[in-house]
N, C-alpha and C. Protein backbone atom coordinates (compact mmCIF):
# COMPACT_ATOMS: atom_id res chain seq x y z
N MET A 1 11.06 -20.47 13.99
CA MET A 1 9.89 -21.12 13.42
C MET A 1 8.71 -20.15 13.45
N PHE A 2 7.89 -20.20 12.45
CA PHE A 2 6.74 -19.31 12.30
C PHE A 2 5.48 -20.05 12.74
N TYR A 3 4.79 -19.55 13.73
CA TYR A 3 3.61 -20.21 14.25
C TYR A 3 2.34 -19.52 13.76
N PHE A 4 1.23 -20.22 13.90
CA PHE A 4 -0.06 -19.68 13.45
C PHE A 4 -0.35 -18.34 14.11
N SER A 5 -0.06 -18.20 15.41
CA SER A 5 -0.34 -16.94 16.09
C SER A 5 0.49 -15.80 15.49
N ASP A 6 1.72 -16.12 14.99
CA ASP A 6 2.53 -15.11 14.32
C ASP A 6 1.85 -14.65 13.04
N MET A 7 1.28 -15.60 12.29
CA MET A 7 0.58 -15.27 11.05
C MET A 7 -0.65 -14.43 11.34
N ALA A 8 -1.40 -14.78 12.38
CA ALA A 8 -2.59 -14.00 12.74
C ALA A 8 -2.19 -12.58 13.11
N LYS A 9 -1.10 -12.42 13.86
CA LYS A 9 -0.63 -11.08 14.24
C LYS A 9 -0.18 -10.30 13.01
N HIS A 10 0.49 -10.97 12.09
CA HIS A 10 0.94 -10.35 10.84
C HIS A 10 -0.26 -9.83 10.04
N LEU A 11 -1.30 -10.64 9.91
CA LEU A 11 -2.50 -10.23 9.18
C LEU A 11 -3.22 -9.08 9.88
N GLU A 12 -3.24 -9.13 11.21
CA GLU A 12 -3.87 -8.07 12.00
C GLU A 12 -3.11 -6.76 11.81
N THR A 13 -1.79 -6.83 11.82
CA THR A 13 -0.96 -5.64 11.59
C THR A 13 -1.22 -5.07 10.20
N GLY A 14 -1.29 -5.94 9.20
CA GLY A 14 -1.56 -5.49 7.84
C GLY A 14 -2.90 -4.81 7.71
N LYS A 15 -3.93 -5.38 8.33
CA LYS A 15 -5.28 -4.78 8.28
C LYS A 15 -5.29 -3.43 8.97
N LYS A 16 -4.67 -3.35 10.15
CA LYS A 16 -4.63 -2.09 10.87
C LYS A 16 -3.87 -1.04 10.04
N GLY A 17 -2.77 -1.45 9.43
CA GLY A 17 -2.01 -0.54 8.58
C GLY A 17 -2.82 -0.02 7.41
N GLU A 18 -3.58 -0.91 6.78
CA GLU A 18 -4.42 -0.47 5.65
C GLU A 18 -5.52 0.47 6.10
N ASP A 19 -6.10 0.22 7.28
CA ASP A 19 -7.11 1.14 7.82
C ASP A 19 -6.50 2.52 8.06
N LEU A 20 -5.31 2.54 8.67
CA LEU A 20 -4.62 3.81 8.92
C LEU A 20 -4.25 4.50 7.62
N ALA A 21 -3.84 3.72 6.63
CA ALA A 21 -3.46 4.27 5.33
C ALA A 21 -4.64 4.98 4.67
N ILE A 22 -5.80 4.35 4.72
CA ILE A 22 -7.00 4.97 4.13
C ILE A 22 -7.26 6.32 4.78
N CYS A 23 -7.20 6.37 6.10
CA CYS A 23 -7.44 7.64 6.81
C CYS A 23 -6.38 8.68 6.44
N TRP A 24 -5.10 8.25 6.41
CA TRP A 24 -4.01 9.18 6.08
C TRP A 24 -4.19 9.73 4.67
N LEU A 25 -4.48 8.86 3.73
CA LEU A 25 -4.66 9.30 2.34
C LEU A 25 -5.83 10.27 2.22
N GLU A 26 -6.96 9.93 2.83
CA GLU A 26 -8.12 10.83 2.77
C GLU A 26 -7.80 12.17 3.40
N ASN A 27 -7.07 12.17 4.53
CA ASN A 27 -6.69 13.42 5.19
C ASN A 27 -5.71 14.24 4.37
N HIS A 28 -5.07 13.62 3.39
CA HIS A 28 -4.13 14.33 2.52
C HIS A 28 -4.70 14.55 1.12
N GLY A 29 -6.02 14.54 1.01
CA GLY A 29 -6.68 14.95 -0.22
C GLY A 29 -6.92 13.88 -1.26
N PHE A 30 -6.69 12.63 -0.93
CA PHE A 30 -6.93 11.54 -1.88
C PHE A 30 -8.37 11.07 -1.78
N GLN A 31 -8.93 10.73 -2.91
CA GLN A 31 -10.24 10.08 -2.95
C GLN A 31 -9.99 8.59 -3.18
N ILE A 32 -10.45 7.77 -2.27
CA ILE A 32 -10.23 6.33 -2.36
C ILE A 32 -11.21 5.74 -3.38
N LEU A 33 -10.68 5.06 -4.38
CA LEU A 33 -11.51 4.42 -5.39
C LEU A 33 -11.69 2.94 -5.10
N HIS A 34 -10.63 2.28 -4.66
CA HIS A 34 -10.69 0.85 -4.34
C HIS A 34 -9.72 0.54 -3.22
N ARG A 35 -10.09 -0.46 -2.45
CA ARG A 35 -9.22 -1.00 -1.41
C ARG A 35 -9.11 -2.49 -1.64
N ASN A 36 -7.91 -3.03 -1.64
CA ASN A 36 -7.67 -4.46 -1.88
C ASN A 36 -8.30 -4.91 -3.19
N TRP A 37 -8.04 -4.16 -4.26
CA TRP A 37 -8.55 -4.51 -5.58
C TRP A 37 -7.87 -5.78 -6.05
N LYS A 38 -8.68 -6.73 -6.50
CA LYS A 38 -8.14 -8.00 -6.98
C LYS A 38 -8.73 -8.33 -8.34
N TYR A 39 -7.87 -8.88 -9.18
CA TYR A 39 -8.29 -9.35 -10.49
C TYR A 39 -7.31 -10.45 -10.88
N SER A 40 -7.83 -11.63 -11.16
CA SER A 40 -6.99 -12.78 -11.47
C SER A 40 -6.00 -12.95 -10.33
N TYR A 41 -4.71 -12.94 -10.60
CA TYR A 41 -3.75 -13.08 -9.51
C TYR A 41 -3.12 -11.73 -9.15
N PHE A 42 -3.70 -10.64 -9.62
CA PHE A 42 -3.22 -9.30 -9.31
C PHE A 42 -3.92 -8.75 -8.08
N GLU A 43 -3.20 -7.95 -7.32
CA GLU A 43 -3.81 -7.28 -6.16
C GLU A 43 -3.12 -5.94 -5.94
N LEU A 44 -3.95 -4.94 -5.64
CA LEU A 44 -3.47 -3.61 -5.30
C LEU A 44 -4.06 -3.22 -3.95
N ASP A 45 -3.24 -2.73 -3.04
CA ASP A 45 -3.72 -2.36 -1.71
C ASP A 45 -4.73 -1.23 -1.77
N VAL A 46 -4.34 -0.12 -2.41
CA VAL A 46 -5.23 1.04 -2.50
C VAL A 46 -5.09 1.66 -3.88
N ILE A 47 -6.22 1.99 -4.46
CA ILE A 47 -6.25 2.77 -5.69
C ILE A 47 -6.98 4.06 -5.33
N ALA A 48 -6.32 5.18 -5.56
CA ALA A 48 -6.88 6.47 -5.16
C ALA A 48 -6.64 7.50 -6.25
N GLU A 49 -7.38 8.59 -6.15
CA GLU A 49 -7.25 9.69 -7.12
C GLU A 49 -6.97 10.96 -6.35
N LYS A 50 -6.08 11.78 -6.92
CA LYS A 50 -5.83 13.11 -6.36
C LYS A 50 -5.40 14.02 -7.50
N GLU A 51 -6.14 15.09 -7.66
CA GLU A 51 -5.82 16.12 -8.66
C GLU A 51 -5.63 15.54 -10.05
N GLY A 52 -6.52 14.61 -10.42
CA GLY A 52 -6.51 14.04 -11.76
C GLY A 52 -5.47 12.96 -12.00
N VAL A 53 -4.76 12.56 -10.95
CA VAL A 53 -3.75 11.50 -11.07
C VAL A 53 -4.26 10.26 -10.35
N LEU A 54 -4.14 9.12 -11.03
CA LEU A 54 -4.51 7.84 -10.44
C LEU A 54 -3.29 7.29 -9.71
N HIS A 55 -3.47 6.95 -8.43
CA HIS A 55 -2.38 6.46 -7.59
C HIS A 55 -2.62 5.00 -7.23
N PHE A 56 -1.62 4.17 -7.49
CA PHE A 56 -1.62 2.79 -7.02
C PHE A 56 -0.70 2.79 -5.80
N VAL A 57 -1.29 2.57 -4.62
CA VAL A 57 -0.54 2.72 -3.37
C VAL A 57 -0.32 1.36 -2.72
N GLU A 58 0.94 1.03 -2.53
CA GLU A 58 1.33 -0.17 -1.79
C GLU A 58 1.51 0.25 -0.34
N VAL A 59 0.81 -0.44 0.57
CA VAL A 59 0.88 -0.11 1.99
C VAL A 59 1.75 -1.15 2.68
N LYS A 60 2.74 -0.68 3.43
CA LYS A 60 3.62 -1.57 4.18
C LYS A 60 3.63 -1.10 5.63
N THR A 61 3.38 -2.04 6.55
CA THR A 61 3.29 -1.71 7.97
C THR A 61 4.17 -2.65 8.78
N ARG A 62 4.85 -2.09 9.75
CA ARG A 62 5.66 -2.91 10.66
C ARG A 62 5.50 -2.40 12.09
N THR A 63 5.64 -3.34 13.02
CA THR A 63 5.53 -3.01 14.44
C THR A 63 6.88 -3.08 15.15
N THR A 64 7.93 -3.34 14.39
CA THR A 64 9.28 -3.40 14.93
C THR A 64 10.25 -2.95 13.84
N ASP A 65 11.42 -2.52 14.25
CA ASP A 65 12.42 -2.15 13.24
C ASP A 65 13.47 -3.24 13.05
N THR A 66 13.19 -4.42 13.55
CA THR A 66 14.11 -5.55 13.45
C THR A 66 14.52 -5.84 12.01
N TYR A 67 13.58 -5.73 11.09
CA TYR A 67 13.85 -6.06 9.69
C TYR A 67 13.96 -4.82 8.81
N GLY A 68 14.20 -3.67 9.40
CA GLY A 68 14.35 -2.44 8.64
C GLY A 68 13.03 -1.69 8.51
N TYR A 69 13.04 -0.69 7.67
CA TYR A 69 11.85 0.13 7.44
C TYR A 69 10.86 -0.63 6.57
N PRO A 70 9.57 -0.37 6.75
CA PRO A 70 8.56 -1.09 5.97
C PRO A 70 8.76 -0.98 4.46
N GLU A 71 9.12 0.20 3.98
CA GLU A 71 9.25 0.41 2.54
C GLU A 71 10.40 -0.41 1.94
N GLU A 72 11.33 -0.83 2.77
CA GLU A 72 12.46 -1.62 2.27
C GLU A 72 12.03 -3.02 1.82
N SER A 73 10.83 -3.43 2.21
CA SER A 73 10.35 -4.75 1.80
C SER A 73 9.78 -4.75 0.38
N VAL A 74 9.68 -3.58 -0.24
CA VAL A 74 9.22 -3.50 -1.62
C VAL A 74 10.44 -3.71 -2.52
N ILE A 75 10.76 -4.96 -2.72
CA ILE A 75 11.91 -5.36 -3.53
C ILE A 75 11.52 -5.28 -5.01
N PRO A 76 12.50 -5.34 -5.91
CA PRO A 76 12.18 -5.22 -7.34
C PRO A 76 11.08 -6.17 -7.83
N ARG A 77 11.08 -7.40 -7.35
CA ARG A 77 10.04 -8.35 -7.77
C ARG A 77 8.64 -7.88 -7.34
N LYS A 78 8.54 -7.33 -6.12
CA LYS A 78 7.25 -6.80 -5.63
C LYS A 78 6.85 -5.58 -6.44
N LEU A 79 7.80 -4.74 -6.77
CA LEU A 79 7.52 -3.55 -7.57
C LEU A 79 7.02 -3.95 -8.96
N GLU A 80 7.62 -4.98 -9.53
CA GLU A 80 7.17 -5.46 -10.84
C GLU A 80 5.74 -5.99 -10.76
N ARG A 81 5.41 -6.73 -9.70
CA ARG A 81 4.03 -7.22 -9.53
C ARG A 81 3.06 -6.06 -9.36
N LEU A 82 3.48 -5.03 -8.62
CA LEU A 82 2.64 -3.85 -8.43
C LEU A 82 2.34 -3.19 -9.77
N MET A 83 3.35 -3.05 -10.60
CA MET A 83 3.15 -2.41 -11.91
C MET A 83 2.31 -3.28 -12.84
N ASN A 84 2.50 -4.58 -12.78
CA ASN A 84 1.66 -5.48 -13.58
C ASN A 84 0.21 -5.40 -13.15
N ALA A 85 -0.02 -5.29 -11.84
CA ALA A 85 -1.39 -5.14 -11.34
C ALA A 85 -1.99 -3.82 -11.81
N GLY A 86 -1.18 -2.75 -11.78
CA GLY A 86 -1.65 -1.46 -12.27
C GLY A 86 -2.04 -1.51 -13.73
N GLU A 87 -1.24 -2.21 -14.53
CA GLU A 87 -1.57 -2.36 -15.95
C GLU A 87 -2.86 -3.14 -16.14
N ALA A 88 -3.07 -4.16 -15.32
CA ALA A 88 -4.32 -4.94 -15.39
C ALA A 88 -5.51 -4.04 -15.05
N TYR A 89 -5.35 -3.17 -14.05
CA TYR A 89 -6.43 -2.25 -13.69
C TYR A 89 -6.72 -1.30 -14.85
N LEU A 90 -5.67 -0.79 -15.47
CA LEU A 90 -5.84 0.19 -16.55
C LEU A 90 -6.49 -0.43 -17.79
N GLU A 91 -6.38 -1.73 -17.96
CA GLU A 91 -7.09 -2.39 -19.06
C GLU A 91 -8.61 -2.27 -18.87
N GLN A 92 -9.04 -2.14 -17.62
CA GLN A 92 -10.47 -2.02 -17.31
C GLN A 92 -10.89 -0.57 -17.12
N ALA A 93 -9.93 0.31 -16.87
CA ALA A 93 -10.23 1.73 -16.62
C ALA A 93 -9.26 2.58 -17.44
N SER A 94 -9.40 2.51 -18.74
CA SER A 94 -8.43 3.13 -19.65
C SER A 94 -8.54 4.65 -19.74
N GLU A 95 -9.50 5.25 -19.05
CA GLU A 95 -9.67 6.70 -19.15
C GLU A 95 -8.57 7.48 -18.43
N TRP A 96 -7.78 6.82 -17.59
CA TRP A 96 -6.73 7.51 -16.83
C TRP A 96 -5.52 7.77 -17.71
N LYS A 97 -5.10 9.01 -17.76
CA LYS A 97 -3.93 9.40 -18.56
C LYS A 97 -2.70 9.61 -17.69
N ARG A 98 -2.92 9.97 -16.44
CA ARG A 98 -1.80 10.21 -15.52
C ARG A 98 -1.90 9.23 -14.36
N ILE A 99 -0.85 8.44 -14.18
CA ILE A 99 -0.83 7.46 -13.09
C ILE A 99 0.51 7.53 -12.38
N GLN A 100 0.52 7.04 -11.16
CA GLN A 100 1.79 6.86 -10.48
C GLN A 100 1.66 5.77 -9.42
N TYR A 101 2.81 5.21 -9.10
CA TYR A 101 2.91 4.15 -8.10
C TYR A 101 3.58 4.74 -6.86
N ASP A 102 2.96 4.50 -5.71
CA ASP A 102 3.44 5.06 -4.45
C ASP A 102 3.55 3.96 -3.40
N ILE A 103 4.32 4.25 -2.36
CA ILE A 103 4.38 3.38 -1.18
C ILE A 103 4.04 4.23 0.03
N LEU A 104 3.12 3.74 0.86
CA LEU A 104 2.84 4.38 2.14
C LEU A 104 3.36 3.44 3.22
N SER A 105 4.42 3.87 3.86
CA SER A 105 5.09 3.10 4.91
C SER A 105 4.56 3.56 6.26
N ILE A 106 4.18 2.59 7.11
CA ILE A 106 3.64 2.93 8.43
C ILE A 106 4.37 2.11 9.48
N GLN A 107 4.87 2.80 10.50
CA GLN A 107 5.50 2.12 11.62
C GLN A 107 4.60 2.28 12.84
N LEU A 108 4.28 1.15 13.46
CA LEU A 108 3.42 1.13 14.63
C LEU A 108 4.20 0.58 15.82
N PHE A 109 4.71 1.49 16.66
CA PHE A 109 5.45 1.07 17.83
C PHE A 109 4.56 1.22 19.06
N PRO A 110 4.59 0.26 19.97
CA PRO A 110 3.73 0.31 21.16
C PRO A 110 3.87 1.63 21.92
N GLY A 111 2.72 2.22 22.25
CA GLY A 111 2.69 3.44 23.05
C GLY A 111 3.05 4.70 22.29
N GLN A 112 3.19 4.61 20.97
CA GLN A 112 3.56 5.78 20.17
C GLN A 112 2.55 5.99 19.05
N GLU A 113 2.50 7.21 18.56
CA GLU A 113 1.67 7.51 17.40
C GLU A 113 2.28 6.84 16.16
N PRO A 114 1.45 6.45 15.20
CA PRO A 114 2.00 5.88 13.96
C PRO A 114 2.93 6.86 13.26
N VAL A 115 3.96 6.33 12.62
CA VAL A 115 4.88 7.13 11.84
C VAL A 115 4.63 6.79 10.37
N TYR A 116 4.34 7.82 9.57
CA TYR A 116 4.03 7.65 8.15
C TYR A 116 5.18 8.17 7.29
N PHE A 117 5.45 7.46 6.21
CA PHE A 117 6.44 7.91 5.24
C PHE A 117 5.87 7.58 3.87
N PHE A 118 5.62 8.62 3.06
CA PHE A 118 4.97 8.46 1.77
C PHE A 118 6.00 8.65 0.67
N LEU A 119 6.23 7.60 -0.09
CA LEU A 119 7.15 7.66 -1.24
C LEU A 119 6.31 7.77 -2.49
N GLU A 120 6.44 8.87 -3.19
CA GLU A 120 5.63 9.10 -4.38
C GLU A 120 6.38 8.76 -5.66
N ASP A 121 5.62 8.26 -6.61
CA ASP A 121 6.10 8.03 -7.98
C ASP A 121 7.40 7.21 -7.98
N ILE A 122 7.29 5.99 -7.48
CA ILE A 122 8.46 5.14 -7.28
C ILE A 122 8.91 4.40 -8.54
N SER A 123 8.14 4.49 -9.61
CA SER A 123 8.49 3.72 -10.81
C SER A 123 9.67 4.29 -11.56
C-alpha cells in the first residue's frame, strides 16, 4: 500500500534529483533555459542549450535499485509525452533548428555520492 509519507518522500527525491541535475548540466556546459516548463498538459523537466542545440532533458532519480535503473522508467508512452511536450515548446520557440531529447538518470544511495548517467539523443 502507498501511504502519504511515501508520496512526500517520492516528491522530495524528485526535487532533489532535479536540483542535482541542474548543477550537473551547468557543470557540463549547458545553459539552463527552463526548469519544469509547463504548457497545457505538457511538462518538461529541463530545457537547456549547449553549442547551439536545444536539449529537452527528462530527469529520473531513484534512491534504491529495487525497481531497476532510473532511466528504465522512461517507457515508450513517457517518451511519446516527452516528444509531444517538446513539439509544444517549439511551437512557441520556433527559432531552434537543432534539438534533441535526453535522459539524465541519477541514483542517490545513502552515504554515497550521486551516480549520474546521461543518455543523449534518445529519440
